[in-house]
Amino acid sequence: MSDPQNKPVLVMFAGPNGSGKSTITPLFQNQPDFPQKYINPDEIALTLGGDTMSKAYEASAIAAQERLISIEENESFSFVGHDVVISYQNGVHKIDIP
C-alpha cells in the first residue's frame, strides 16, 4: 500500500491498438517516482490459454479487477488502456479512445 502521507499516483497509457503504449512504457518505468505496479492486458493475455479473442476478453477483465483493487487499496499503479472506466467520488467517467 502507498505511504499514507503521500497521495497515490495513477499513470495511464492510453491510445488505440498499435499506437505504441506498451513500447513507450519502459521509458517511464525507470523514473524514481514511477509506480512499481504495472497492469497491461496484453501481458496478462500471454499467460492465458484459449483463442486470441477469449484471452483478450479475460485479460481485460483481469486488468480491470487489478485496477479496482489498486484503487480500493489506495495503491499507486500504472496501466495500459484503450477502453477504460474510472470511478471517482463524484461518479463514474468512461474514457473510450477509438
N, C-alpha and C. Protein backbone atom coordinates (compact mmCIF):
# COMPACT_ATOMS: atom_id res chain seq x y z
N MET A 1 0.84 -1.17 0.00
CA MET A 1 0.00 0.00 0.00
C MET A 1 0.89 1.24 0.00
N SER A 2 0.40 2.32 -0.57
CA SER A 2 1.16 3.56 -0.66
C SER A 2 1.36 4.17 0.72
N ASP A 3 2.40 4.96 0.85
CA ASP A 3 2.67 5.71 2.07
C ASP A 3 1.48 6.62 2.35
N PRO A 4 0.86 6.56 3.55
CA PRO A 4 -0.32 7.36 3.81
C PRO A 4 -0.07 8.87 3.73
N GLN A 5 1.17 9.30 3.87
CA GLN A 5 1.47 10.72 3.78
C GLN A 5 1.57 11.19 2.34
N ASN A 6 1.70 10.28 1.42
CA ASN A 6 1.77 10.62 0.01
C ASN A 6 0.52 10.12 -0.69
N LYS A 7 -0.01 10.95 -1.58
CA LYS A 7 -1.16 10.52 -2.36
C LYS A 7 -0.70 9.49 -3.38
N PRO A 8 -1.54 8.49 -3.65
CA PRO A 8 -1.17 7.51 -4.67
C PRO A 8 -1.12 8.15 -6.05
N VAL A 9 -0.34 7.53 -6.91
CA VAL A 9 -0.16 8.02 -8.28
C VAL A 9 -0.78 7.02 -9.24
N LEU A 10 -1.52 7.52 -10.22
CA LEU A 10 -2.09 6.69 -11.27
C LEU A 10 -1.56 7.22 -12.59
N VAL A 11 -0.92 6.34 -13.36
CA VAL A 11 -0.41 6.71 -14.68
C VAL A 11 -1.11 5.84 -15.70
N MET A 12 -1.76 6.47 -16.68
CA MET A 12 -2.47 5.73 -17.71
C MET A 12 -1.82 5.98 -19.06
N PHE A 13 -1.49 4.91 -19.75
CA PHE A 13 -1.01 4.98 -21.13
C PHE A 13 -2.21 4.62 -22.00
N ALA A 14 -2.75 5.59 -22.72
CA ALA A 14 -3.97 5.36 -23.48
C ALA A 14 -3.75 5.62 -24.96
N GLY A 15 -4.47 4.89 -25.77
CA GLY A 15 -4.40 5.06 -27.21
C GLY A 15 -4.95 3.82 -27.88
N PRO A 16 -5.21 3.92 -29.17
CA PRO A 16 -5.74 2.76 -29.89
C PRO A 16 -4.70 1.64 -30.00
N ASN A 17 -5.16 0.46 -30.34
CA ASN A 17 -4.26 -0.68 -30.54
C ASN A 17 -3.17 -0.32 -31.54
N GLY A 18 -1.95 -0.70 -31.22
CA GLY A 18 -0.83 -0.48 -32.13
C GLY A 18 -0.23 0.92 -32.07
N SER A 19 -0.67 1.75 -31.12
CA SER A 19 -0.17 3.13 -31.07
C SER A 19 1.15 3.27 -30.32
N GLY A 20 1.63 2.20 -29.69
CA GLY A 20 2.93 2.25 -29.02
C GLY A 20 2.87 2.41 -27.51
N LYS A 21 1.72 2.17 -26.91
CA LYS A 21 1.58 2.31 -25.46
C LYS A 21 2.57 1.41 -24.71
N SER A 22 2.59 0.15 -25.08
CA SER A 22 3.47 -0.80 -24.41
C SER A 22 4.93 -0.53 -24.73
N THR A 23 5.20 0.02 -25.89
CA THR A 23 6.57 0.30 -26.30
C THR A 23 7.16 1.46 -25.51
N ILE A 24 6.37 2.49 -25.25
CA ILE A 24 6.88 3.68 -24.58
C ILE A 24 6.96 3.52 -23.06
N THR A 25 6.18 2.61 -22.51
CA THR A 25 6.11 2.45 -21.06
C THR A 25 7.47 2.26 -20.40
N PRO A 26 8.37 1.39 -20.92
CA PRO A 26 9.66 1.19 -20.25
C PRO A 26 10.48 2.48 -20.10
N LEU A 27 10.27 3.44 -20.96
CA LEU A 27 10.99 4.71 -20.84
C LEU A 27 10.63 5.44 -19.56
N PHE A 28 9.42 5.23 -19.08
CA PHE A 28 8.95 5.89 -17.87
C PHE A 28 9.16 5.04 -16.62
N GLN A 29 9.14 3.72 -16.77
CA GLN A 29 9.23 2.83 -15.61
C GLN A 29 10.54 2.98 -14.84
N ASN A 30 11.57 3.49 -15.46
CA ASN A 30 12.85 3.66 -14.77
C ASN A 30 12.93 4.95 -13.97
N GLN A 31 11.90 5.78 -14.04
CA GLN A 31 11.88 7.03 -13.28
C GLN A 31 11.67 6.70 -11.80
N PRO A 32 12.33 7.42 -10.89
CA PRO A 32 12.26 7.08 -9.46
C PRO A 32 10.85 7.14 -8.85
N ASP A 33 10.00 8.03 -9.30
CA ASP A 33 8.67 8.17 -8.71
C ASP A 33 7.58 7.43 -9.47
N PHE A 34 7.99 6.64 -10.47
CA PHE A 34 7.00 5.92 -11.27
C PHE A 34 6.47 4.74 -10.47
N PRO A 35 5.14 4.50 -10.48
CA PRO A 35 4.58 3.38 -9.72
C PRO A 35 5.19 2.04 -10.12
N GLN A 36 5.44 1.20 -9.12
CA GLN A 36 6.03 -0.11 -9.39
C GLN A 36 5.02 -1.06 -10.02
N LYS A 37 3.76 -0.95 -9.64
CA LYS A 37 2.74 -1.85 -10.17
C LYS A 37 2.34 -1.39 -11.57
N TYR A 38 2.41 -2.30 -12.53
CA TYR A 38 2.09 -2.02 -13.93
C TYR A 38 1.09 -3.05 -14.42
N ILE A 39 -0.05 -2.61 -14.92
CA ILE A 39 -1.12 -3.50 -15.36
C ILE A 39 -1.27 -3.37 -16.87
N ASN A 40 -0.98 -4.46 -17.58
CA ASN A 40 -1.05 -4.44 -19.04
C ASN A 40 -1.83 -5.68 -19.51
N PRO A 41 -3.03 -5.48 -20.05
CA PRO A 41 -3.82 -6.63 -20.51
C PRO A 41 -3.11 -7.50 -21.53
N ASP A 42 -2.27 -6.90 -22.39
CA ASP A 42 -1.54 -7.70 -23.38
C ASP A 42 -0.59 -8.67 -22.70
N GLU A 43 0.08 -8.21 -21.64
CA GLU A 43 0.99 -9.10 -20.90
C GLU A 43 0.21 -10.17 -20.14
N ILE A 44 -0.93 -9.80 -19.61
CA ILE A 44 -1.78 -10.77 -18.91
C ILE A 44 -2.26 -11.84 -19.89
N ALA A 45 -2.65 -11.43 -21.09
CA ALA A 45 -3.15 -12.37 -22.11
C ALA A 45 -2.11 -13.43 -22.46
N LEU A 46 -0.84 -13.05 -22.42
CA LEU A 46 0.23 -14.00 -22.74
C LEU A 46 0.28 -15.17 -21.77
N THR A 47 -0.29 -14.99 -20.58
CA THR A 47 -0.25 -16.04 -19.56
C THR A 47 -1.50 -16.94 -19.59
N LEU A 48 -2.44 -16.62 -20.49
CA LEU A 48 -3.72 -17.34 -20.53
C LEU A 48 -3.78 -18.33 -21.68
N GLY A 49 -4.64 -19.31 -21.52
CA GLY A 49 -4.88 -20.27 -22.60
C GLY A 49 -6.12 -19.90 -23.38
N GLY A 50 -6.32 -20.56 -24.51
CA GLY A 50 -7.51 -20.32 -25.31
C GLY A 50 -7.21 -19.54 -26.57
N ASP A 51 -8.28 -19.22 -27.30
CA ASP A 51 -8.10 -18.49 -28.55
C ASP A 51 -7.84 -17.01 -28.26
N THR A 52 -7.41 -16.30 -29.27
CA THR A 52 -7.00 -14.90 -29.12
C THR A 52 -8.09 -14.02 -28.53
N MET A 53 -9.32 -14.15 -29.04
CA MET A 53 -10.40 -13.30 -28.55
C MET A 53 -10.76 -13.59 -27.10
N SER A 54 -10.85 -14.85 -26.74
CA SER A 54 -11.21 -15.18 -25.36
C SER A 54 -10.11 -14.74 -24.40
N LYS A 55 -8.85 -14.88 -24.83
CA LYS A 55 -7.74 -14.41 -23.99
C LYS A 55 -7.80 -12.90 -23.81
N ALA A 56 -8.13 -12.17 -24.87
CA ALA A 56 -8.21 -10.71 -24.80
C ALA A 56 -9.31 -10.27 -23.83
N TYR A 57 -10.48 -10.91 -23.92
CA TYR A 57 -11.58 -10.55 -23.02
C TYR A 57 -11.25 -10.89 -21.57
N GLU A 58 -10.68 -12.06 -21.35
CA GLU A 58 -10.33 -12.46 -19.99
C GLU A 58 -9.25 -11.55 -19.42
N ALA A 59 -8.24 -11.24 -20.23
CA ALA A 59 -7.16 -10.36 -19.78
C ALA A 59 -7.69 -8.97 -19.44
N SER A 60 -8.63 -8.49 -20.23
CA SER A 60 -9.24 -7.18 -19.97
C SER A 60 -9.98 -7.19 -18.64
N ALA A 61 -10.69 -8.27 -18.36
CA ALA A 61 -11.42 -8.38 -17.10
C ALA A 61 -10.47 -8.47 -15.91
N ILE A 62 -9.39 -9.22 -16.07
CA ILE A 62 -8.39 -9.34 -15.00
C ILE A 62 -7.75 -7.99 -14.74
N ALA A 63 -7.38 -7.28 -15.81
CA ALA A 63 -6.76 -5.96 -15.67
C ALA A 63 -7.71 -4.99 -14.96
N ALA A 64 -8.99 -5.02 -15.33
CA ALA A 64 -9.97 -4.14 -14.69
C ALA A 64 -10.06 -4.44 -13.20
N GLN A 65 -10.06 -5.72 -12.85
CA GLN A 65 -10.11 -6.12 -11.44
C GLN A 65 -8.86 -5.65 -10.70
N GLU A 66 -7.70 -5.79 -11.31
CA GLU A 66 -6.46 -5.34 -10.68
C GLU A 66 -6.46 -3.83 -10.46
N ARG A 67 -6.99 -3.08 -11.44
CA ARG A 67 -7.08 -1.62 -11.27
C ARG A 67 -8.00 -1.27 -10.10
N LEU A 68 -9.14 -1.94 -10.04
CA LEU A 68 -10.10 -1.69 -8.95
C LEU A 68 -9.48 -1.98 -7.59
N ILE A 69 -8.79 -3.09 -7.48
CA ILE A 69 -8.15 -3.45 -6.22
C ILE A 69 -7.12 -2.39 -5.83
N SER A 70 -6.33 -1.94 -6.80
CA SER A 70 -5.31 -0.93 -6.51
C SER A 70 -5.95 0.37 -6.03
N ILE A 71 -7.06 0.76 -6.66
CA ILE A 71 -7.76 1.98 -6.24
C ILE A 71 -8.32 1.81 -4.83
N GLU A 72 -8.96 0.67 -4.57
CA GLU A 72 -9.53 0.42 -3.25
C GLU A 72 -8.47 0.38 -2.16
N GLU A 73 -7.27 -0.10 -2.50
CA GLU A 73 -6.18 -0.19 -1.53
C GLU A 73 -5.32 1.06 -1.50
N ASN A 74 -5.76 2.09 -2.24
CA ASN A 74 -5.03 3.36 -2.25
C ASN A 74 -3.58 3.16 -2.70
N GLU A 75 -3.40 2.31 -3.69
CA GLU A 75 -2.08 1.90 -4.16
C GLU A 75 -1.75 2.59 -5.49
N SER A 76 -0.54 3.10 -5.60
CA SER A 76 -0.09 3.67 -6.87
C SER A 76 0.05 2.57 -7.91
N PHE A 77 -0.29 2.90 -9.17
CA PHE A 77 -0.12 1.93 -10.25
C PHE A 77 -0.15 2.64 -11.59
N SER A 78 0.34 1.94 -12.59
CA SER A 78 0.23 2.42 -13.97
C SER A 78 -0.44 1.33 -14.78
N PHE A 79 -1.05 1.73 -15.88
CA PHE A 79 -1.71 0.73 -16.71
C PHE A 79 -1.84 1.20 -18.15
N VAL A 80 -2.07 0.21 -19.00
CA VAL A 80 -2.31 0.45 -20.42
C VAL A 80 -3.80 0.25 -20.65
N GLY A 81 -4.42 1.17 -21.39
CA GLY A 81 -5.84 1.01 -21.65
C GLY A 81 -6.29 1.74 -22.90
N HIS A 82 -7.36 1.23 -23.50
CA HIS A 82 -7.96 1.93 -24.62
C HIS A 82 -9.48 2.02 -24.48
N ASP A 83 -10.04 1.32 -23.53
CA ASP A 83 -11.46 1.42 -23.21
C ASP A 83 -11.57 1.23 -21.70
N VAL A 84 -11.58 2.33 -20.98
CA VAL A 84 -11.41 2.28 -19.53
C VAL A 84 -12.54 3.04 -18.84
N VAL A 85 -13.02 2.49 -17.74
CA VAL A 85 -13.97 3.19 -16.89
C VAL A 85 -13.27 3.52 -15.59
N ILE A 86 -13.30 4.79 -15.22
CA ILE A 86 -12.68 5.22 -13.98
C ILE A 86 -13.77 5.75 -13.06
N SER A 87 -13.88 5.18 -11.86
CA SER A 87 -14.84 5.65 -10.87
C SER A 87 -14.13 6.62 -9.94
N TYR A 88 -14.84 7.64 -9.52
CA TYR A 88 -14.28 8.57 -8.57
C TYR A 88 -15.40 9.04 -7.66
N GLN A 89 -15.06 9.84 -6.66
CA GLN A 89 -16.01 10.19 -5.61
C GLN A 89 -17.32 10.77 -6.15
N ASN A 90 -17.27 11.53 -7.22
CA ASN A 90 -18.47 12.19 -7.73
C ASN A 90 -19.17 11.40 -8.83
N GLY A 91 -18.75 10.19 -9.10
CA GLY A 91 -19.42 9.41 -10.12
C GLY A 91 -18.47 8.54 -10.91
N VAL A 92 -18.89 8.21 -12.11
CA VAL A 92 -18.12 7.34 -12.99
C VAL A 92 -17.87 8.08 -14.29
N HIS A 93 -16.68 7.94 -14.81
CA HIS A 93 -16.34 8.56 -16.08
C HIS A 93 -15.73 7.49 -16.97
N LYS A 94 -16.31 7.27 -18.12
CA LYS A 94 -15.77 6.29 -19.05
C LYS A 94 -14.88 6.99 -20.04
N ILE A 95 -13.69 6.48 -20.20
CA ILE A 95 -12.76 7.00 -21.18
C ILE A 95 -12.73 6.00 -22.31
N ASP A 96 -13.16 6.39 -23.47
CA ASP A 96 -13.21 5.48 -24.62
C ASP A 96 -12.45 6.13 -25.76
N ILE A 97 -11.27 5.64 -26.03
CA ILE A 97 -10.43 6.19 -27.08
C ILE A 97 -10.53 5.27 -28.28
N PRO A 98 -11.00 5.78 -29.43
CA PRO A 98 -11.18 4.92 -30.61
C PRO A 98 -9.88 4.33 -31.13
